[in-house]
Every structure is written in structure tokens, then in C-alpha cells.
């Protein structure tokens, strides 16, 4: 009788251990999957906006250069050669010193002239600066540079942005919180709030690493 009971107890223990190990493995796999999903999709969301901001900034810079040229142009100027700023002329983020053929586009885009293009230059510059700084924030939050957020890192970046951390809500909800916060701060050009969040990460020991700088440089190109 005791032998039969001991045998049943032993089988029950084996089943319990197997179930526990399997549950832990599933939880770990789900956590890792959620972490990869959040980091990759969050940084990609910011990067897409940064690309849009770069193009808008380049267009404003091009027209600003053209208006300044027109303002200081002599009555019979020599032919002007294209001047490339930062990147090759065949890439989208190129700022060139415009020739006369660019005049209709810039004049139509900025009917108020130099004042209008100056204001737009400052506006697009602010948007781009915030996008790139937010991208840096997202990279800094990945403290171990493994291209995913673990539970502690995710909690830290959410709290740094004054967002609640509720693990039970799942990865999709956490991602929506992050992307919505980015969209809101981008629209408001809320650099002060973003830098406050960056400061909170720094207070907890997070730093910009060489890997972060390399990724940020690629986005800035």
C-alpha cells in the first residue's frame, strides 16, 4: 500500500515539475518575444518619422539657401554651381544651393518670402531634432544593447516618460503607450519633457553606448 502511494506521489511530482518547467519556458519565450517586438517596432516608428522630418528639413533648407542667394544676387550673376550639403546629390536628404530653375517651387511654397522660409526652417529643424533625440532615448533604454527591452528596461522607459507600467496589459498596449507618447511630444515639439525623461534614465545609470552612437549615426545619415 505504501509502495503504491509512494509511486503515485512520485509520478505526481514528476508531472508537476514538467508542467512548471514548461510554464516557465513559455513565459520566458513570451516575454522575450514581447520585448523584441516592442523595441523593434518602437524604434522603427521613430525612425520613419525621422526620415520624414529629414526630408522636410532638407526642403526648407534648400529654399532658405535659395532665398538668401536671391537677396544677395547681383543684377547679372554668373552661373551658379550646385553645392551639396552633407550627402551625395542623388540621395533624398540633400540640401543644394538652388539655381534659377528652383525659383518657382520655393516661391510657391513660401509666398511670404524669406520670413516664411525662416519660420519653416526653424519648425522643421525642431521636429527633426526631437525625432533624433527620441530615437536616442529609445536606444539608451536598451541598457545591455541586445536590441530588446527586458521587463526592467521597459518599466524604466515607461516611467521616464510618465507612463504607467502594467505588465498585465501585454506588449501591444505597452507599445501603443510609447508610440502615442512619441507622437504627442513630436506634435507639441516637447523637447523639455523628453530631456526630463532622458535625465531619469541617466539617474538610473543608463548611458549612450558606442553601439547606440553607431545606430544613431546611421539614422542621421
C-alpha atoms as a PDB file:
ATOM      1  CA  UNK A   1       0.000   0.000   0.000  1.00  0.00           C
ATOM      2  CA  UNK A   2       2.775   2.421   0.968  1.00  0.00           C
ATOM      3  CA  UNK A   3       4.733   1.467  -2.146  1.00  0.00           C
ATOM      4  CA  UNK A   4       1.717   2.203  -4.360  1.00  0.00           C
ATOM      5  CA  UNK A   5       1.183   5.579  -2.627  1.00  0.00           C
ATOM      6  CA  UNK A   6       4.850   6.477  -2.962  1.00  0.00           C
ATOM      7  CA  UNK A   7       4.747   5.574  -6.644  1.00  0.00           C
ATOM      8  CA  UNK A   8       1.703   7.770  -7.255  1.00  0.00           C
ATOM      9  CA  UNK A   9       3.285  10.624  -5.316  1.00  0.00           C
ATOM     10  CA  UNK A  10       6.460  10.292  -7.367  1.00  0.00           C
ATOM     11  CA  UNK A  11       4.523  10.391 -10.662  1.00  0.00           C
ATOM     12  CA  UNK A  12       2.556  13.424  -9.483  1.00  0.00           C
ATOM     13  CA  UNK A  13       5.815  15.180  -8.572  1.00  0.00           C
ATOM     14  CA  UNK A  14       7.318  14.439 -11.992  1.00  0.00           C
ATOM     15  CA  UNK A  15       4.221  15.795 -13.732  1.00  0.00           C
ATOM     16  CA  UNK A  16       4.266  18.919 -11.560  1.00  0.00           C
ATOM     17  CA  UNK A  17       7.924  19.573 -12.323  1.00  0.00           C
ATOM     18  CA  UNK A  18       7.367  19.059 -16.041  1.00  0.00           C
ATOM     19  CA  UNK A  19       4.343  21.402 -16.036  1.00  0.00           C
ATOM     20  CA  UNK A  20       6.230  24.048 -14.052  1.00  0.00           C
ATOM     21  CA  UNK A  21       9.264  23.890 -16.324  1.00  0.00           C
ATOM     22  CA  UNK A  22       7.069  24.119 -19.393  1.00  0.00           C
ATOM     23  CA  UNK A  23       5.151  27.078 -17.976  1.00  0.00           C
ATOM     24  CA  UNK A  24       8.353  28.925 -17.126  1.00  0.00           C
ATOM     25  CA  UNK A  25       9.706  28.288 -20.615  1.00  0.00           C
ATOM     26  CA  UNK A  26       6.512  29.598 -22.200  1.00  0.00           C
ATOM     27  CA  UNK A  27       6.550  32.704 -20.013  1.00  0.00           C
ATOM     28  CA  UNK A  28      10.203  33.369 -20.810  1.00  0.00           C
ATOM     29  CA  UNK A  29       9.597  32.869 -24.534  1.00  0.00           C
ATOM     30  CA  UNK A  30       6.563  35.161 -24.489  1.00  0.00           C
ATOM     31  CA  UNK A  31       8.473  37.807 -22.546  1.00  0.00           C
ATOM     32  CA  UNK A  32      11.385  37.655 -24.965  1.00  0.00           C
ATOM     33  CA  UNK A  33       9.055  37.823 -27.962  1.00  0.00           C
ATOM     34  CA  UNK A  34       7.204  40.795 -26.498  1.00  0.00           C
ATOM     35  CA  UNK A  35      10.465  42.556 -25.702  1.00  0.00           C
ATOM     36  CA  UNK A  36      11.815  42.114 -29.231  1.00  0.00           C
ATOM     37  CA  UNK A  37       8.513  43.272 -30.684  1.00  0.00           C
ATOM     38  CA  UNK A  38       8.370  46.420 -28.554  1.00  0.00           C
ATOM     39  CA  UNK A  39      11.953  47.527 -29.160  1.00  0.00           C
ATOM     40  CA  UNK A  40      11.952  46.829 -32.884  1.00  0.00           C
ATOM     41  CA  UNK A  41       8.552  48.373 -33.574  1.00  0.00           C
ATOM     42  CA  UNK A  42       9.094  51.376 -31.302  1.00  0.00           C
ATOM     43  CA  UNK A  43      12.451  52.318 -32.831  1.00  0.00           C
ATOM     44  CA  UNK A  44      11.076  51.696 -36.331  1.00  0.00           C
ATOM     45  CA  UNK A  45       8.128  54.019 -35.610  1.00  0.00           C
ATOM     46  CA  UNK A  46      10.501  56.791 -34.542  1.00  0.00           C
ATOM     47  CA  UNK A  47      12.849  56.170 -37.465  1.00  0.00           C
ATOM     48  CA  UNK A  48      10.056  56.521 -40.021  1.00  0.00           C
ATOM     49  CA  UNK A  49       9.137  59.908 -38.569  1.00  0.00           C
ATOM     50  CA  UNK A  50      12.797  60.948 -38.524  1.00  0.00           C
ATOM     51  CA  UNK A  51      13.081  60.160 -42.244  1.00  0.00           C
ATOM     52  CA  UNK A  52      10.027  62.326 -42.960  1.00  0.00           C
ATOM     53  CA  UNK A  53      11.463  65.116 -40.819  1.00  0.00           C
ATOM     54  CA  UNK A  54      14.815  64.950 -42.608  1.00  0.00           C
ATOM     55  CA  UNK A  55      13.176  65.408 -45.986  1.00  0.00           C
ATOM     56  CA  UNK A  56      11.068  68.346 -44.762  1.00  0.00           C
ATOM     57  CA  UNK A  57      14.109  69.970 -43.173  1.00  0.00           C
ATOM     58  CA  UNK A  58      16.156  69.475 -46.330  1.00  0.00           C
ATOM     59  CA  UNK A  59      13.438  71.088 -48.466  1.00  0.00           C
ATOM     60  CA  UNK A  60      13.206  74.095 -46.140  1.00  0.00           C
ATOM     61  CA  UNK A  61      16.999  74.396 -46.044  1.00  0.00           C
ATOM     62  CA  UNK A  62      17.185  74.309 -49.822  1.00  0.00           C
ATOM     63  CA  UNK A  63      14.671  77.127 -50.202  1.00  0.00           C
ATOM     64  CA  UNK A  64      16.281  79.136 -47.394  1.00  0.00           C
ATOM     65  CA  UNK A  65      19.573  78.947 -49.254  1.00  0.00           C
ATOM     66  CA  UNK A  66      17.858  79.948 -52.493  1.00  0.00           C
ATOM     67  CA  UNK A  67      16.111  82.974 -50.945  1.00  0.00           C
ATOM     68  CA  UNK A  68      19.348  84.170 -49.372  1.00  0.00           C
ATOM     69  CA  UNK A  69      21.055  83.840 -52.736  1.00  0.00           C
ATOM     70  CA  UNK A  70      18.326  85.842 -54.421  1.00  0.00           C
ATOM     71  CA  UNK A  71      18.553  88.532 -51.771  1.00  0.00           C
ATOM     72  CA  UNK A  72      22.269  88.997 -52.319  1.00  0.00           C
ATOM     73  CA  UNK A  73      22.279  88.323 -56.039  1.00  0.00           C
ATOM     74  CA  UNK A  74      23.708  90.924 -58.378  1.00  0.00           C
ATOM     75  CA  UNK A  75      21.720  92.029 -61.450  1.00  0.00           C
ATOM     76  CA  UNK A  76      23.775  89.868 -63.795  1.00  0.00           C
ATOM     77  CA  UNK A  77      25.139  86.988 -61.731  1.00  0.00           C
ATOM     78  CA  UNK A  78      27.382  84.286 -63.137  1.00  0.00           C
ATOM     79  CA  UNK A  79      26.024  80.774 -63.472  1.00  0.00           C
ATOM     80  CA  UNK A  80      25.843  79.140 -60.048  1.00  0.00           C
ATOM     81  CA  UNK A  81      27.055  75.621 -59.466  1.00  0.00           C
ATOM     82  CA  UNK A  82      25.269  73.172 -57.235  1.00  0.00           C
ATOM     83  CA  UNK A  83      26.629  72.965 -53.708  1.00  0.00           C
ATOM     84  CA  UNK A  84      25.890  69.732 -51.865  1.00  0.00           C
ATOM     85  CA  UNK A  85      25.384  69.738 -48.128  1.00  0.00           C
ATOM     86  CA  UNK A  86      26.165  66.571 -46.162  1.00  0.00           C
ATOM     87  CA  UNK A  87      25.178  63.893 -48.699  1.00  0.00           C
ATOM     88  CA  UNK A  88      25.557  62.960 -52.388  1.00  0.00           C
ATOM     89  CA  UNK A  89      23.250  64.816 -54.737  1.00  0.00           C
ATOM     90  CA  UNK A  90      21.300  61.721 -55.730  1.00  0.00           C
ATOM     91  CA  UNK A  91      20.071  60.958 -52.196  1.00  0.00           C
ATOM     92  CA  UNK A  92      16.798  62.291 -50.744  1.00  0.00           C
ATOM     93  CA  UNK A  93      18.365  64.185 -47.831  1.00  0.00           C
ATOM     94  CA  UNK A  94      20.353  66.658 -49.903  1.00  0.00           C
ATOM     95  CA  UNK A  95      20.487  70.396 -49.484  1.00  0.00           C
ATOM     96  CA  UNK A  96      21.696  72.162 -52.605  1.00  0.00           C
ATOM     97  CA  UNK A  97      22.226  75.798 -53.357  1.00  0.00           C
ATOM     98  CA  UNK A  98      19.392  76.292 -55.832  1.00  0.00           C
ATOM     99  CA  UNK A  99      19.668  77.696 -59.323  1.00  0.00           C
ATOM    100  CA  UNK A 100      17.028  79.819 -61.044  1.00  0.00           C
ATOM    101  CA  UNK A 101      15.058  76.710 -62.042  1.00  0.00           C
ATOM    102  CA  UNK A 102      14.210  76.134 -58.386  1.00  0.00           C
ATOM    103  CA  UNK A 103      12.627  79.567 -58.024  1.00  0.00           C
ATOM    104  CA  UNK A 104       9.030  78.642 -58.894  1.00  0.00           C
ATOM    105  CA  UNK A 105       8.945  75.847 -56.325  1.00  0.00           C
ATOM    106  CA  UNK A 106      10.348  77.913 -53.458  1.00  0.00           C
ATOM    107  CA  UNK A 107       8.314  80.987 -54.313  1.00  0.00           C
ATOM    108  CA  UNK A 108       5.127  78.966 -54.473  1.00  0.00           C
ATOM    109  CA  UNK A 109       5.881  77.129 -51.241  1.00  0.00           C
ATOM    110  CA  UNK A 110       6.797  80.329 -49.391  1.00  0.00           C
ATOM    111  CA  UNK A 111       4.784  83.213 -50.833  1.00  0.00           C
ATOM    112  CA  UNK A 112       5.813  85.417 -47.895  1.00  0.00           C
ATOM    113  CA  UNK A 113       9.420  85.045 -48.948  1.00  0.00           C
ATOM    114  CA  UNK A 114      12.370  84.922 -46.612  1.00  0.00           C
ATOM    115  CA  UNK A 115      10.338  85.346 -43.405  1.00  0.00           C
ATOM    116  CA  UNK A 116       8.181  82.356 -44.283  1.00  0.00           C
ATOM    117  CA  UNK A 117      11.054  80.081 -45.140  1.00  0.00           C
ATOM    118  CA  UNK A 118      12.955  81.078 -41.993  1.00  0.00           C
ATOM    119  CA  UNK A 119       9.972  80.116 -39.851  1.00  0.00           C
ATOM    120  CA  UNK A 120       9.602  76.790 -41.654  1.00  0.00           C
ATOM    121  CA  UNK A 121      13.319  76.103 -41.347  1.00  0.00           C
ATOM    122  CA  UNK A 122      13.110  76.537 -37.574  1.00  0.00           C
ATOM    123  CA  UNK A 123       9.956  74.424 -37.378  1.00  0.00           C
ATOM    124  CA  UNK A 124      11.331  71.506 -39.393  1.00  0.00           C
ATOM    125  CA  UNK A 125      14.621  71.696 -37.537  1.00  0.00           C
ATOM    126  CA  UNK A 126      12.776  71.391 -34.217  1.00  0.00           C
ATOM    127  CA  UNK A 127      10.793  68.376 -35.443  1.00  0.00           C
ATOM    128  CA  UNK A 128      13.930  66.631 -36.689  1.00  0.00           C
ATOM    129  CA  UNK A 129      15.839  67.365 -33.513  1.00  0.00           C
ATOM    130  CA  UNK A 130      13.070  65.866 -31.396  1.00  0.00           C
ATOM    131  CA  UNK A 131      12.802  62.735 -33.559  1.00  0.00           C
ATOM    132  CA  UNK A 132      16.530  62.065 -33.398  1.00  0.00           C
ATOM    133  CA  UNK A 133      16.687  62.741 -29.654  1.00  0.00           C
ATOM    134  CA  UNK A 134      13.728  60.425 -29.061  1.00  0.00           C
ATOM    135  CA  UNK A 135      15.463  57.746 -31.112  1.00  0.00           C
ATOM    136  CA  UNK A 136      18.496  58.181 -28.875  1.00  0.00           C
ATOM    137  CA  UNK A 137      16.224  57.853 -25.831  1.00  0.00           C
ATOM    138  CA  UNK A 138      14.837  54.563 -27.161  1.00  0.00           C
ATOM    139  CA  UNK A 139      18.357  53.235 -27.714  1.00  0.00           C
ATOM    140  CA  UNK A 140      19.589  54.338 -24.288  1.00  0.00           C
ATOM    141  CA  UNK A 141      16.663  52.492 -22.699  1.00  0.00           C
ATOM    142  CA  UNK A 142      18.097  49.244 -24.085  1.00  0.00           C
ATOM    143  CA  UNK A 143      20.749  49.193 -21.403  1.00  0.00           C
ATOM    144  CA  UNK A 144      22.509  45.989 -22.440  1.00  0.00           C
ATOM    145  CA  UNK A 145      22.386  46.726 -26.209  1.00  0.00           C
ATOM    146  CA  UNK A 146      20.728  43.422 -27.084  1.00  0.00           C
ATOM    147  CA  UNK A 147      18.046  45.067 -29.274  1.00  0.00           C
ATOM    148  CA  UNK A 148      15.171  44.212 -26.930  1.00  0.00           C
ATOM    149  CA  UNK A 149      13.690  45.543 -23.727  1.00  0.00           C
ATOM    150  CA  UNK A 150      13.590  43.288 -20.715  1.00  0.00           C
ATOM    151  CA  UNK A 151      10.935  43.876 -18.062  1.00  0.00           C
ATOM    152  CA  UNK A 152      13.115  46.243 -16.038  1.00  0.00           C
ATOM    153  CA  UNK A 153      14.159  48.316 -19.054  1.00  0.00           C
ATOM    154  CA  UNK A 154      10.587  48.566 -20.315  1.00  0.00           C
ATOM    155  CA  UNK A 155       9.408  49.703 -16.920  1.00  0.00           C
ATOM    156  CA  UNK A 156      12.158  52.311 -16.702  1.00  0.00           C
ATOM    157  CA  UNK A 157      11.463  53.901 -20.081  1.00  0.00           C
ATOM    158  CA  UNK A 158       7.696  53.966 -19.489  1.00  0.00           C
ATOM    159  CA  UNK A 159       8.100  55.615 -16.103  1.00  0.00           C
ATOM    160  CA  UNK A 160      10.687  58.030 -17.509  1.00  0.00           C
ATOM    161  CA  UNK A 161       8.003  59.252 -19.910  1.00  0.00           C
ATOM    162  CA  UNK A 162       5.419  59.480 -17.104  1.00  0.00           C
ATOM    163  CA  UNK A 163       3.573  56.421 -18.418  1.00  0.00           C
ATOM    164  CA  UNK A 164       2.214  53.633 -16.243  1.00  0.00           C
ATOM    165  CA  UNK A 165       3.781  50.187 -16.293  1.00  0.00           C
ATOM    166  CA  UNK A 166       1.168  47.437 -16.271  1.00  0.00           C
ATOM    167  CA  UNK A 167       2.670  44.059 -17.255  1.00  0.00           C
ATOM    168  CA  UNK A 168      -0.780  42.501 -17.433  1.00  0.00           C
ATOM    169  CA  UNK A 169      -1.740  44.746 -20.367  1.00  0.00           C
ATOM    170  CA  UNK A 170       0.664  42.977 -22.728  1.00  0.00           C
ATOM    171  CA  UNK A 171       3.160  44.115 -25.333  1.00  0.00           C
ATOM    172  CA  UNK A 172       0.677  45.725 -27.730  1.00  0.00           C
ATOM    173  CA  UNK A 173      -0.677  48.056 -25.063  1.00  0.00           C
ATOM    174  CA  UNK A 174       2.802  48.999 -23.876  1.00  0.00           C
ATOM    175  CA  UNK A 175       3.869  49.694 -27.446  1.00  0.00           C
ATOM    176  CA  UNK A 176       0.822  51.881 -28.061  1.00  0.00           C
ATOM    177  CA  UNK A 177       1.646  53.871 -24.933  1.00  0.00           C
ATOM    178  CA  UNK A 178       5.179  54.510 -26.160  1.00  0.00           C
ATOM    179  CA  UNK A 179       4.311  55.381 -29.749  1.00  0.00           C
ATOM    180  CA  UNK A 180       1.411  57.599 -28.671  1.00  0.00           C
ATOM    181  CA  UNK A 181       3.708  59.461 -26.279  1.00  0.00           C
ATOM    182  CA  UNK A 182       6.231  59.968 -29.049  1.00  0.00           C
ATOM    183  CA  UNK A 183       3.552  61.230 -31.440  1.00  0.00           C
ATOM    184  CA  UNK A 184       2.212  63.630 -28.823  1.00  0.00           C
ATOM    185  CA  UNK A 185       5.624  65.055 -27.903  1.00  0.00           C
ATOM    186  CA  UNK A 186       6.600  65.300 -31.565  1.00  0.00           C
ATOM    187  CA  UNK A 187       3.468  67.236 -32.446  1.00  0.00           C
ATOM    188  CA  UNK A 188       3.999  69.565 -29.473  1.00  0.00           C
ATOM    189  CA  UNK A 189       7.765  69.761 -30.034  1.00  0.00           C
ATOM    190  CA  UNK A 190       8.078  68.768 -26.395  1.00  0.00           C
ATOM    191  CA  UNK A 191      11.847  68.628 -26.131  1.00  0.00           C
ATOM    192  CA  UNK A 192      11.803  69.720 -22.490  1.00  0.00           C
ATOM    193  CA  UNK A 193       9.645  66.767 -21.437  1.00  0.00           C
ATOM    194  CA  UNK A 194      11.792  64.387 -23.480  1.00  0.00           C
ATOM    195  CA  UNK A 195      15.025  65.641 -21.916  1.00  0.00           C
ATOM    196  CA  UNK A 196      13.452  65.273 -18.496  1.00  0.00           C
ATOM    197  CA  UNK A 197      12.766  61.627 -19.333  1.00  0.00           C
ATOM    198  CA  UNK A 198      16.313  61.165 -20.586  1.00  0.00           C
ATOM    199  CA  UNK A 199      17.556  62.586 -17.303  1.00  0.00           C
ATOM    200  CA  UNK A 200      15.557  59.984 -15.378  1.00  0.00           C
ATOM    201  CA  UNK A 201      17.252  57.203 -17.340  1.00  0.00           C
ATOM    202  CA  UNK A 202      20.662  58.723 -16.677  1.00  0.00           C
ATOM    203  CA  UNK A 203      19.862  58.928 -12.963  1.00  0.00           C
ATOM    204  CA  UNK A 204      19.341  55.157 -13.030  1.00  0.00           C
ATOM    205  CA  UNK A 205      22.688  54.503 -14.663  1.00  0.00           C
ATOM    206  CA  UNK A 206      21.708  54.328 -18.343  1.00  0.00           C
ATOM    207  CA  UNK A 207      24.219  55.814 -20.774  1.00  0.00           C
ATOM    208  CA  UNK A 208      24.754  56.340 -24.501  1.00  0.00           C
ATOM    209  CA  UNK A 209      26.994  53.465 -25.562  1.00  0.00           C
ATOM    210  CA  UNK A 210      29.203  53.125 -28.670  1.00  0.00           C
ATOM    211  CA  UNK A 211      26.546  50.799 -30.127  1.00  0.00           C
ATOM    212  CA  UNK A 212      23.888  53.477 -29.541  1.00  0.00           C
ATOM    213  CA  UNK A 213      26.039  56.087 -31.265  1.00  0.00           C
ATOM    214  CA  UNK A 214      26.587  53.821 -34.262  1.00  0.00           C
ATOM    215  CA  UNK A 215      22.844  53.206 -34.704  1.00  0.00           C
ATOM    216  CA  UNK A 216      22.034  56.875 -34.222  1.00  0.00           C
ATOM    217  CA  UNK A 217      24.639  57.900 -36.799  1.00  0.00           C
ATOM    218  CA  UNK A 218      23.081  55.553 -39.349  1.00  0.00           C
ATOM    219  CA  UNK A 219      19.696  57.184 -38.853  1.00  0.00           C
ATOM    220  CA  UNK A 220      21.212  60.663 -39.076  1.00  0.00           C
ATOM    221  CA  UNK A 221      22.903  59.978 -42.408  1.00  0.00           C
END
